[in-house]
C-alpha atoms as a PDB file:
ATOM      1  CA  MET A   1      10.935  -3.403  -7.907  1.00  0.00           C
ATOM      2  CA  ASN A   2      11.506  -6.494  -5.730  1.00  0.00           C
ATOM      3  CA  ASN A   3      10.987 -10.184  -6.500  1.00  0.00           C
ATOM      4  CA  GLN A   4      10.013 -12.239  -3.496  1.00  0.00           C
ATOM      5  CA  ASN A   5      10.110 -16.094  -3.539  1.00  0.00           C
ATOM      6  CA  LEU A   6       7.214 -17.628  -1.633  1.00  0.00           C
ATOM      7  CA  THR A   7       6.706 -21.172  -0.422  1.00  0.00           C
ATOM      8  CA  LEU A   8       3.990 -23.224   1.261  1.00  0.00           C
ATOM      9  CA  SER A   9       4.043 -26.612   2.877  1.00  0.00           C
ATOM     10  CA  ILE A  10       0.520 -27.859   3.815  1.00  0.00           C
ATOM     11  CA  THR A  11      -0.135 -31.172   5.534  1.00  0.00           C
ATOM     12  CA  LEU A  12      -3.083 -32.923   3.813  1.00  0.00           C
ATOM     13  CA  ALA A  13      -5.643 -35.151   5.301  1.00  0.00           C
ATOM     14  CA  THR A  14      -7.519 -37.891   3.279  1.00  0.00           C
ATOM     15  CA  GLY A  15      -9.811 -36.137   0.965  1.00  0.00           C
ATOM     16  CA  ASP A  16      -8.278 -32.699   1.004  1.00  0.00           C
ATOM     17  CA  ILE A  17      -7.103 -32.859  -2.662  1.00  0.00           C
ATOM     18  CA  ALA A  18     -10.707 -33.510  -3.758  1.00  0.00           C
ATOM     19  CA  ARG A  19     -11.952 -30.766  -1.451  1.00  0.00           C
ATOM     20  CA  ILE A  20      -9.675 -28.115  -2.847  1.00  0.00           C
ATOM     21  CA  THR A  21     -10.101 -29.159  -6.461  1.00  0.00           C
ATOM     22  CA  ASN A  22     -13.919 -28.800  -5.919  1.00  0.00           C
ATOM     23  CA  ALA A  23     -13.684 -25.603  -3.860  1.00  0.00           C
ATOM     24  CA  PRO A  24     -10.212 -23.941  -4.325  1.00  0.00           C
ATOM     25  CA  GLN A  25     -11.095 -21.333  -1.691  1.00  0.00           C
ATOM     26  CA  GLU A  26     -10.746 -24.118   0.919  1.00  0.00           C
ATOM     27  CA  LEU A  27      -7.041 -24.024   0.362  1.00  0.00           C
ATOM     28  CA  LEU A  28      -6.813 -20.829   2.230  1.00  0.00           C
ATOM     29  CA  THR A  29      -8.169 -22.462   5.400  1.00  0.00           C
ATOM     30  CA  MET A  30      -5.378 -25.029   5.299  1.00  0.00           C
ATOM     31  CA  ILE A  31      -2.404 -22.588   5.278  1.00  0.00           C
ATOM     32  CA  PRO A  32      -0.692 -22.648   8.552  1.00  0.00           C
ATOM     33  CA  SER A  33      -0.828 -19.217  10.290  1.00  0.00           C
ATOM     34  CA  ASP A  34       2.890 -18.795  10.515  1.00  0.00           C
ATOM     35  CA  GLN A  35       3.278 -19.485   6.727  1.00  0.00           C
ATOM     36  CA  TRP A  36       0.430 -17.159   6.014  1.00  0.00           C
ATOM     37  CA  ASP A  37       2.035 -14.328   7.998  1.00  0.00           C
ATOM     38  CA  THR A  38       5.411 -14.803   6.180  1.00  0.00           C
ATOM     39  CA  ILE A  39       3.647 -14.724   2.798  1.00  0.00           C
ATOM     40  CA  GLN A  40       1.860 -11.510   3.664  1.00  0.00           C
ATOM     41  CA  ASP A  41       5.093 -10.044   5.044  1.00  0.00           C
ATOM     42  CA  LEU A  42       7.061 -10.933   2.034  1.00  0.00           C
ATOM     43  CA  ILE A  43       4.390  -9.455  -0.466  1.00  0.00           C
ATOM     44  CA  VAL A  44       3.938  -6.311   1.570  1.00  0.00           C
ATOM     45  CA  GLY A  45       7.760  -5.970   1.983  1.00  0.00           C
ATOM     46  CA  ALA A  46       8.235  -6.132  -1.835  1.00  0.00           C
ATOM     47  CA  LEU A  47       6.176  -2.910  -2.180  1.00  0.00           C
ATOM     48  CA  ASP A  48       8.459   0.126  -2.703  1.00  0.00           C
ATOM     49  CA  ASP A  49       5.790   2.398  -1.279  1.00  0.00           C
ATOM     50  CA  GLN A  50       4.932   1.660   2.235  1.00  0.00           C
ATOM     51  CA  ASP A  51       2.699   4.645   2.815  1.00  0.00           C
ATOM     52  CA  GLY A  52      -0.710   3.852   4.234  1.00  0.00           C
ATOM     53  CA  SER A  53       0.462   0.626   6.006  1.00  0.00           C
ATOM     54  CA  PRO A  54      -0.358  -1.760   3.175  1.00  0.00           C
ATOM     55  CA  GLN A  55      -2.066  -5.061   4.155  1.00  0.00           C
ATOM     56  CA  LEU A  56      -3.503  -7.904   1.994  1.00  0.00           C
ATOM     57  CA  ASP A  57      -7.336  -8.212   2.018  1.00  0.00           C
ATOM     58  CA  GLU A  58     -10.030 -10.130   0.264  1.00  0.00           C
ATOM     59  CA  VAL A  59      -7.650 -13.044  -0.721  1.00  0.00           C
ATOM     60  CA  GLU A  60      -9.152 -15.642  -3.126  1.00  0.00           C
ATOM     61  CA  ILE A  61      -7.889 -18.745  -4.782  1.00  0.00           C
ATOM     62  CA  GLY A  62      -8.808 -19.278  -8.556  1.00  0.00           C
ATOM     63  CA  ASN A  63      -7.671 -21.052 -11.670  1.00  0.00           C
ATOM     64  CA  LEU A  64      -6.778 -24.197  -9.745  1.00  0.00           C
ATOM     65  CA  GLU A  65      -5.622 -26.986 -11.921  1.00  0.00           C
ATOM     66  CA  TYR A  66      -4.520 -30.385 -10.582  1.00  0.00           C
ATOM     67  CA  HIS A  67      -3.029 -33.084 -12.742  1.00  0.00           C
ATOM     68  CA  GLU A  68      -3.608 -36.257 -10.703  1.00  0.00           C
ATOM     69  CA  ASN A  69      -1.593 -38.398 -12.975  1.00  0.00           C
ATOM     70  CA  ILE A  70       1.713 -36.418 -12.243  1.00  0.00           C
ATOM     71  CA  HIS A  71       0.623 -35.081  -8.726  1.00  0.00           C
ATOM     72  CA  GLN A  72       1.219 -31.392  -9.754  1.00  0.00           C
ATOM     73  CA  GLY A  73      -0.887 -28.317 -10.399  1.00  0.00           C
ATOM     74  CA  THR A  74      -1.136 -24.619 -10.385  1.00  0.00           C
ATOM     75  CA  PHE A  75      -3.370 -22.016  -8.837  1.00  0.00           C
ATOM     76  CA  ARG A  76      -3.627 -18.204  -8.661  1.00  0.00           C
ATOM     77  CA  MET A  77      -4.007 -16.248  -5.469  1.00  0.00           C
ATOM     78  CA  PHE A  78      -5.759 -13.027  -5.949  1.00  0.00           C
ATOM     79  CA  PHE A  79      -5.797 -10.331  -3.336  1.00  0.00           C
ATOM     80  CA  LEU A  80      -6.271  -6.511  -2.693  1.00  0.00           C
ATOM     81  CA  ILE A  81      -3.461  -4.437  -1.330  1.00  0.00           C
ATOM     82  CA  HIS A  82      -5.371  -2.168   1.197  1.00  0.00           C
ATOM     83  CA  ARG A  83      -3.925   1.123   2.396  1.00  0.00           C
ATOM     84  CA  ARG A  84      -5.332   3.403   4.959  1.00  0.00           C
ATOM     85  CA  PHE A  85      -3.701   6.821   5.274  1.00  0.00           C
ATOM     86  CA  CYS A  86      -4.257   7.878   8.927  1.00  0.00           C
ATOM     87  CA  CYS A  87      -3.799  11.700   8.577  1.00  0.00           C
ATOM     88  CA  SER A  88      -6.299  12.112   5.738  1.00  0.00           C
ATOM     89  CA  GLU A  89      -8.620   9.147   6.346  1.00  0.00           C
ATOM     90  CA  GLN A  90      -8.104   8.174   2.775  1.00  0.00           C
ATOM     91  CA  VAL A  91      -8.259   4.544   1.662  1.00  0.00           C
ATOM     92  CA  SER A  92      -6.875   2.988  -1.450  1.00  0.00           C
ATOM     93  CA  TRP A  93      -7.004  -0.457  -3.057  1.00  0.00           C
ATOM     94  CA  ALA A  94      -4.932  -2.162  -5.710  1.00  0.00           C
ATOM     95  CA  LYS A  95      -5.597  -5.639  -7.099  1.00  0.00           C
ATOM     96  CA  ASP A  96      -2.827  -8.023  -7.587  1.00  0.00           C
ATOM     97  CA  TYR A  97      -2.131 -11.783  -7.704  1.00  0.00           C
ATOM     98  CA  VAL A  98       0.470 -14.495  -7.297  1.00  0.00           C
ATOM     99  CA  ASP A  99       0.779 -17.640  -9.577  1.00  0.00           C
ATOM    100  CA  TRP A 100       1.727 -20.801  -7.646  1.00  0.00           C
ATOM    101  CA  THR A 101       2.944 -24.144  -8.827  1.00  0.00           C
ATOM    102  CA  PHE A 102       2.530 -27.128  -6.484  1.00  0.00           C
ATOM    103  CA  SER A 103       3.235 -30.741  -6.194  1.00  0.00           C
ATOM    104  CA  ILE A 104       1.703 -33.385  -3.829  1.00  0.00           C
ATOM    105  CA  GLN A 105       4.379 -35.482  -2.127  1.00  0.00           C
ATOM    106  CA  GLN A 106       2.898 -38.078   0.205  1.00  0.00           C
ATOM    107  CA  ASP A 107       0.745 -36.201   2.627  1.00  0.00           C
ATOM    108  CA  LYS A 108       2.111 -32.699   1.807  1.00  0.00           C
ATOM    109  CA  LEU A 109       1.101 -30.080  -0.703  1.00  0.00           C
ATOM    110  CA  LEU A 110       4.385 -28.026  -1.542  1.00  0.00           C
ATOM    111  CA  ALA A 111       3.982 -24.863  -3.468  1.00  0.00           C
ATOM    112  CA  THR A 112       6.242 -22.221  -4.661  1.00  0.00           C
ATOM    113  CA  ALA A 113       5.756 -18.842  -6.338  1.00  0.00           C
ATOM    114  CA  ALA A 114       7.353 -15.536  -7.024  1.00  0.00           C
ATOM    115  CA  TYR A 115       5.659 -12.180  -6.356  1.00  0.00           C
ATOM    116  CA  PHE A 116       6.878  -9.310  -8.338  1.00  0.00           C
ATOM    117  CA  ASN A 117       5.689  -5.825  -7.654  1.00  0.00           C
ATOM    118  CA  TRP A 118       4.751  -4.390 -11.080  1.00  0.00           C
ATOM    119  CA  THR A 119       4.131  -0.777  -9.814  1.00  0.00           C
ATOM    120  CA  LEU A 120       6.271   1.729 -11.509  1.00  0.00           C
ATOM    121  CA  ASP A 121       8.021   3.938  -9.092  1.00  0.00           C
ATOM    122  CA  ASN A 122       9.873   6.531 -11.211  1.00  0.00           C
END
């Protein structure tokens, strides 16, 4: 079982904080593609079982809380780990999530999280 530390740095425009607090899913559209690729690689890399070429799918943001007075908050990133086994045409899914904490510093949303693969592999 591996623990992966994840980070995000998102440049915010005027009104983006209000936009994501009203519609948390909008946060996904703001993540730069290179950072999103790294997050996916780290989460998939933490999986002990790489069979079926695991990929993240159906990513959603929920449970977003922002405390404007201290410029900090939290959110949960839900996702499915999708596997397709080519030889048997079997498909499997597993639900998982990552809890993030973030702060707003000037025009940046800086977020950190730790992904831990809870799958027992013994």
